[in-house]
Amino acid sequence: MVDAWCSSIHENRSSGAIRSLMRAFRTACHYGDDTGEDAKSKWSTMSSTVFNKIMLFVLKEMDGILRGLLKLPTSGGKKEMIKDMSKTKRWKSNNHLVKSYLGNALHVLNQMTDTEMISFTLRRLRFSSVFLAAFPVLLRKYIKVLLHFWGTGGGALPVVSFLFLRDLCIQLGSDCIDECIRGMYKAYLLNCQFMNASKLQHIQFLGNCFVELLRVDLPNAYQHAFVFIRQLAMILRDAHSSTKTKKSSKKANQSSKEAHNTKGKESFLKVYQWKYIHCLELWTAAICAYSSEPEFRPLAYPLTQIISGAARLVPTARYFPLRLRCIKMLNRIAASTNSFVPVSPLLLDMLEIKELRRPPTGGVGKAIDFRTVLRVSKLTLKTRAFQEACVFSVVEELAEHLAQWSYSVGFFELSSVPVVRLRNFCKSTNVDRFRREIKQIIREIEANSEYTNKKRMTVSFLPNDPAAASFLEDDKNAGVSPLSKYVASLRQRAQQRNDSLKESSILVGQDSSAFGSKITESDEDDDVEDSKGDAVFSSSWLPAGTPKDEESTEEKQQKKKRRKDQQDETAFDEDIVEDFILSSDDEEGSLSDAPSDEEASIKQKPSKAPSKKKGKTHRRKNKKRKQSNQAASSV
């Protein structure tokens, strides 16, 4: 019957066959639901073969069929086209088919669990996204489902969901772009609450998608960016005011002191958390991407002020990883907008802590990845690994900052104060490797000063002359200054260090490493993904509530055996991870994990030897058992 409908639709676009197929499609999408339908209906039982045939045909062909019935272009379209079409007779006679197709497909999406099947379904529904302009309720439901898949899906599903959302924003405009921007921002925040090495790539992907969606309507995106950046500024203002209140309330009584301390801690922790820092990085990426656009360039200054205030909020050594992230953001904004940002004071203040001026007393310590931490423990401050990471990071970021202005006519005046403070650090530190590192950057800065001084001796314009902006522009494009070459070598060293940390980290697994390859495959070749979807739908999957074929006993035994082997492998892997954790340094330095005196005494007690009475009893039983066996054999 289904084959007859499909052939009739292919040959003469039979309206009766289309209606019958859509009824079958609705039944297939709701198959297994407790709807109370008549059990004697011809669709009350459906095999997986019939289900797959209906689903594949409708998902592949229905968009073209509906466009042919409505006399629309074969692809694309805008919401104005659908609004004009809604007044015609063709739309009034066929709009129920469009609504049935989109509504039932949305229902079956909520029943699916396989990512490849969901990706295939979304990829086919994406061609019909323009029809959602006529159904606002369905549009909101689709946006909600797509945001969920984009934020939590695996494999190629986040990419397919994002492309669907972007098409909706392009085709429908203001009807959904506001909701999409707010929804993607919230989904991004939900993924940024916690951080480890395995989530770096996924969070970066989500941020890139959000920045790309802003490109659809930059004037509208500016309104959202202004509101969200203002929220960040208000949170920072509350943290600063509570910190000042805490300092000024030292003469108050003890109860008010405790209240102020609790309030101040809660307020600054709202800033010094992953969610807030990732929001700053997200808007930094947006401003850097659209720095040449007149809509986003005015946001660079307030965002710079917020980042600088966040970096100075708690100026302690334990939050140096957070400060370095803020400095990286400031360097990115300065490079993209070609504006000067005073970064060197933030970096040089880090070199004045007492832990960097004397040899480490906490041992070597484990390598620290500043990309995955915001705060370190007190014991980590005294390790050699932390001190090296701090000094090397300060040198790299200071070189990046000065390299942006290494072709400026005022580079000598700009670099004079940093050179003085770097020399003071060389005199005060007792660590030879830090002294060598600082002397190297001082030599590069002085060489660059000589380079710019020789060039500016030949010019006749004043420093405030507009011609100073084009000073050494050709050399800048070629990157021939001493400081530019030095920064290139530092970038290679930093990349090698990050790669070594990624390879040695036990948090990075196969899922995170395969994430990028899956994205590129799905984005390049849709035909390959369609064939994968065909293969998935050719399986024996049915919606929830359908009985599955009973498996043979041999298959069940094989599955149990495989499951047991996997559990053994997992237990072995967990043992390895525990060994790594035990052999590493305790980052927080807490003694709460150590066993108590009672537990230690219990562990030290030797196990009791088996009693002699039990041994005699076992011997008697064995003797009686042997005698009974001999009597039975004789009989």
Foldseek 3Di string as FASTA:
>chain_A
DLVVLLVVCVPPNDPVSLVVLLVLLLCQLCQQPPPVDDCPDPSVDDFLVVSLVSVLCCLQCVLQSLCVQLVHDSFDAALVVVVVSCVDPSCVVCVVSVCSSLVSLLSSLVQDDDQLLNLLSLLSCLRVLSSCSVPLVSVVSLLVVLLVCLLDNAFQSVVSSLVSVLSNCLRYPPSPLVVNLVSLLVSLLVLQQAFDPLCPVVSVVSLVSSLVSCVSPVLVVLVVVVVVLVVLVVLLVQLQVLVVVLVVCPPPDPVVNVVSVVSNVVSLVVCLGRSNLSVLVSLLVNCLVPCVPPSRVVVLVSSLVSLVSNLPSDPDLQQLLSNLSSLVSVLSSCLSNVHADPSLVSLLVNLPDPLLQEQADLEAADADDSVRDRGFAPSVSRHNNSSVVSLLSSLLSVLSNLLSCLQALCSVVVCPVVLVSLVVSLVRHPDPVSNVSSVVSSVLSVQSVVVSVVQVVPDDDDNPDPVRVCGCVVCSVVQPRSSSVVSVVSVVVVVVVVVVCSVPDPVHDPRSVCNVVSNVVVVPDVVVSNVVNSVVSPDRDGGPNDDDDDDDPVVVVVVVVVVVVVVVVVVVVVVVVVVVVVPGDDGNPDPPPPDDPVVVVVVPDDDDDDDPVVVVVVVVVVVVVVVVVVVVVVD
